[in-house]
Amino acid sequence: MGAAITAAEKAENQGILKLTRWRAGKTEEWNSNCASWLLHPTAPYDCPKSKLVFEDACKALERNP
């Protein structure tokens, strides 16, 4: 998953997260446009992605200090 996110963050991929989904024995290519939070120009400051990562980390620490 980390490799897919890293690939999506590259400028040439324009924030498109490419995944293969397996359901009920069938595979399907699925692309998510994550450019709004993956390619933020001010990262890590004033960045929606960085904020979500921080908030998720805080929640994880609250559950398991």
Protein backbone atom coordinates (compact mmCIF):
# COMPACT_ATOMS: atom_id res chain seq x y z
CA MET A 1 0.00 0.00 0.00
CA GLY A 2 2.84 2.35 0.84
CA ALA A 3 4.40 1.79 -2.59
CA ALA A 4 1.09 2.61 -4.29
CA ILE A 5 0.75 5.86 -2.31
CA THR A 6 4.37 6.79 -3.07
CA ALA A 7 3.74 6.20 -6.78
CA ALA A 8 0.57 8.33 -6.67
CA GLU A 9 2.52 11.18 -5.05
CA LYS A 10 4.87 11.45 -8.04
CA ALA A 11 4.10 14.50 -10.16
CA GLU A 12 3.75 12.44 -13.35
CA ASN A 13 0.95 10.37 -11.76
CA GLN A 14 -1.00 13.49 -10.75
CA GLY A 15 -2.25 12.00 -7.48
CA ILE A 16 -3.93 8.97 -9.05
CA LEU A 17 -3.79 6.04 -6.63
CA LYS A 18 -3.95 2.85 -8.73
CA LEU A 19 -5.23 -0.28 -7.01
CA THR A 20 -6.46 -3.73 -7.99
CA ARG A 21 -9.55 -4.88 -6.12
CA TRP A 22 -10.42 -8.55 -5.70
CA ARG A 23 -14.06 -9.37 -4.96
CA ALA A 24 -15.98 -12.59 -5.32
CA GLY A 25 -13.22 -14.11 -7.45
CA LYS A 26 -13.07 -11.16 -9.86
CA THR A 27 -10.40 -8.49 -10.18
CA GLU A 28 -11.06 -4.88 -11.06
CA GLU A 29 -8.69 -1.96 -11.58
CA TRP A 30 -9.63 0.99 -9.39
CA ASN A 31 -8.15 4.48 -9.56
CA SER A 32 -8.71 7.11 -6.91
CA ASN A 33 -7.89 10.76 -7.55
CA CYS A 34 -6.10 11.73 -4.38
CA ALA A 35 -4.40 14.83 -5.76
CA SER A 36 -6.22 17.13 -3.39
CA TRP A 37 -4.43 15.64 -0.38
CA LEU A 38 -1.40 13.86 -1.86
CA LEU A 39 0.23 16.69 -3.75
CA HIS A 40 -0.30 19.63 -1.43
CA PRO A 41 2.38 22.28 -2.14
CA THR A 42 2.87 23.30 1.52
CA ALA A 43 3.48 19.81 2.92
CA PRO A 44 4.11 19.10 5.72
CA TYR A 45 2.92 22.52 6.96
CA ASP A 46 -0.70 23.63 6.43
CA CYS A 47 -1.24 20.36 4.56
CA PRO A 48 -4.47 18.32 4.68
CA LYS A 49 -2.58 15.02 4.26
CA SER A 50 -0.13 15.80 7.07
CA LYS A 51 -3.03 16.83 9.31
CA LEU A 52 -4.85 13.52 8.69
CA VAL A 53 -1.68 11.49 9.33
CA PHE A 54 -1.11 13.37 12.59
CA GLU A 55 -4.72 12.97 13.74
CA ASP A 56 -4.70 9.24 12.94
CA ALA A 57 -1.43 8.80 14.83
CA CYS A 58 -2.88 10.57 17.87
CA LYS A 59 -5.96 8.31 17.80
CA ALA A 60 -3.74 5.22 17.57
CA LEU A 61 -1.71 6.41 20.57
CA GLU A 62 -4.90 7.04 22.56
CA ARG A 63 -6.01 3.45 21.90
CA ASN A 64 -2.61 1.89 22.61
CA PRO A 65 -0.19 4.24 24.43
